[in-house]
Amino acid sequence: MANHTMARMLGYDSPEELMAGITDIASQIYVDPDERAKLIDTIENKGVISNYELRILRKDGCDLGFSDHACDPR
C-alpha cells in the first residue's frame, strides 16, 4: 500500500509505479534490510512508534533519513 506523497518522496511518479517496482521491501526500501523487522516488531509490541530513526532508499539509490521524536507541544 502506498499513497502519492510516499511515491514521490521515494522517486516514483505514482503509487502504482512504486508498488510495481518493489519486489522485496526490506532490501529495496530500507538502507538496513533488518530495520523493517525491527520496525514491525516495535509496532506490534508497543502499538506506537516513538523516538525512532529510519533510513530508507529512493528509486535512484539515494537514502533519506526520517525520525519520529516525541515532543512536548507546550
C-alpha atoms as a PDB file:
ATOM      1  CA  MET A   1       0.000   0.000   0.000  1.00  0.00           C
ATOM      2  CA  ALA A   2       1.311   3.471  -0.878  1.00  0.00           C
ATOM      3  CA  ASN A   3      -0.001   6.977  -1.433  1.00  0.00           C
ATOM      4  CA  HIS A   4       1.105   9.719  -3.846  1.00  0.00           C
ATOM      5  CA  THR A   5       3.226  11.512  -1.249  1.00  0.00           C
ATOM      6  CA  MET A   6       5.144   8.386  -0.352  1.00  0.00           C
ATOM      7  CA  ALA A   7       5.656   7.514  -4.022  1.00  0.00           C
ATOM      8  CA  ARG A   8       7.007  10.993  -4.843  1.00  0.00           C
ATOM      9  CA  MET A   9       9.306  11.020  -1.793  1.00  0.00           C
ATOM     10  CA  LEU A  10      10.779   7.729  -2.967  1.00  0.00           C
ATOM     11  CA  GLY A  11      11.241   8.995  -6.538  1.00  0.00           C
ATOM     12  CA  TYR A  12       8.306   7.270  -8.222  1.00  0.00           C
ATOM     13  CA  ASP A  13       5.661   9.001 -10.338  1.00  0.00           C
ATOM     14  CA  SER A  14       2.724   7.173  -8.769  1.00  0.00           C
ATOM     15  CA  PRO A  15       1.801   4.677  -6.065  1.00  0.00           C
ATOM     16  CA  GLU A  16       1.186   2.135  -8.812  1.00  0.00           C
ATOM     17  CA  GLU A  17       4.737   2.553 -10.165  1.00  0.00           C
ATOM     18  CA  LEU A  18       6.129   2.206  -6.646  1.00  0.00           C
ATOM     19  CA  MET A  19       4.178  -0.949  -5.910  1.00  0.00           C
ATOM     20  CA  ALA A  20       5.045  -2.471  -9.303  1.00  0.00           C
ATOM     21  CA  GLY A  21       8.745  -1.672  -8.884  1.00  0.00           C
ATOM     22  CA  ILE A  22       9.175  -3.063  -5.395  1.00  0.00           C
ATOM     23  CA  THR A  23       9.555  -6.829  -5.200  1.00  0.00           C
ATOM     24  CA  ASP A  24      11.469  -7.015  -1.889  1.00  0.00           C
ATOM     25  CA  ILE A  25      10.505  -4.243   0.531  1.00  0.00           C
ATOM     26  CA  ALA A  26      13.259  -4.963   3.043  1.00  0.00           C
ATOM     27  CA  SER A  27      16.120  -4.676   0.550  1.00  0.00           C
ATOM     28  CA  GLN A  28      14.650  -2.105  -1.842  1.00  0.00           C
ATOM     29  CA  ILE A  29      13.210   0.394   0.659  1.00  0.00           C
ATOM     30  CA  TYR A  30      15.307   0.047   3.806  1.00  0.00           C
ATOM     31  CA  VAL A  31      19.019   1.002   3.919  1.00  0.00           C
ATOM     32  CA  ASP A  32      19.359  -1.736   6.554  1.00  0.00           C
ATOM     33  CA  PRO A  33      17.046  -4.585   5.471  1.00  0.00           C
ATOM     34  CA  ASP A  34      16.816  -5.837   9.089  1.00  0.00           C
ATOM     35  CA  GLU A  35      15.282  -2.494  10.089  1.00  0.00           C
ATOM     36  CA  ARG A  36      11.910  -3.480   8.598  1.00  0.00           C
ATOM     37  CA  ALA A  37      11.582  -6.420  11.000  1.00  0.00           C
ATOM     38  CA  LYS A  38      12.614  -4.192  13.931  1.00  0.00           C
ATOM     39  CA  LEU A  39      10.029  -1.581  12.949  1.00  0.00           C
ATOM     40  CA  ILE A  40       7.251  -4.164  12.655  1.00  0.00           C
ATOM     41  CA  ASP A  41       8.268  -5.693  15.995  1.00  0.00           C
ATOM     42  CA  THR A  42       8.159  -2.271  17.676  1.00  0.00           C
ATOM     43  CA  ILE A  43       4.673  -1.568  16.312  1.00  0.00           C
ATOM     44  CA  GLU A  44       3.378  -5.000  17.306  1.00  0.00           C
ATOM     45  CA  ASN A  45       4.817  -4.822  20.834  1.00  0.00           C
ATOM     46  CA  LYS A  46       4.271  -1.165  21.683  1.00  0.00           C
ATOM     47  CA  GLY A  47       1.404  -0.223  19.385  1.00  0.00           C
ATOM     48  CA  VAL A  48       3.139   3.057  18.502  1.00  0.00           C
ATOM     49  CA  ILE A  49       6.440   4.337  17.192  1.00  0.00           C
ATOM     50  CA  SER A  50       8.193   6.979  19.244  1.00  0.00           C
ATOM     51  CA  ASN A  51      11.754   8.276  19.138  1.00  0.00           C
ATOM     52  CA  TYR A  52      12.524   6.157  16.101  1.00  0.00           C
ATOM     53  CA  GLU A  53      15.019   6.895  13.333  1.00  0.00           C
ATOM     54  CA  LEU A  54      14.869   5.209   9.958  1.00  0.00           C
ATOM     55  CA  ARG A  55      16.859   5.401   6.711  1.00  0.00           C
ATOM     56  CA  ILE A  56      15.072   4.449   3.510  1.00  0.00           C
ATOM     57  CA  LEU A  57      16.120   4.252  -0.123  1.00  0.00           C
ATOM     58  CA  ARG A  58      14.786   6.217  -3.071  1.00  0.00           C
ATOM     59  CA  LYS A  59      14.369   4.696  -6.514  1.00  0.00           C
ATOM     60  CA  ASP A  60      17.621   6.374  -7.607  1.00  0.00           C
ATOM     61  CA  GLY A  61      19.553   4.757  -4.735  1.00  0.00           C
ATOM     62  CA  CYS A  62      19.877   7.891  -2.584  1.00  0.00           C
ATOM     63  CA  ASP A  63      18.872   7.438   1.021  1.00  0.00           C
ATOM     64  CA  LEU A  64      16.544   9.540   3.135  1.00  0.00           C
ATOM     65  CA  GLY A  65      16.535   9.790   6.894  1.00  0.00           C
ATOM     66  CA  PHE A  66      13.348  10.010   8.902  1.00  0.00           C
ATOM     67  CA  SER A  67      12.848  10.384  12.603  1.00  0.00           C
ATOM     68  CA  ASP A  68       9.886  10.357  14.903  1.00  0.00           C
ATOM     69  CA  HIS A  69      10.822  12.098  18.115  1.00  0.00           C
ATOM     70  CA  ALA A  70       8.388  12.631  20.908  1.00  0.00           C
ATOM     71  CA  CYS A  71       7.917  16.299  21.624  1.00  0.00           C
ATOM     72  CA  ASP A  72       6.232  18.398  24.244  1.00  0.00           C
ATOM     73  CA  PRO A  73       3.769  20.704  22.443  1.00  0.00           C
ATOM     74  CA  ARG A  74       3.826  23.321  25.226  1.00  0.00           C
END
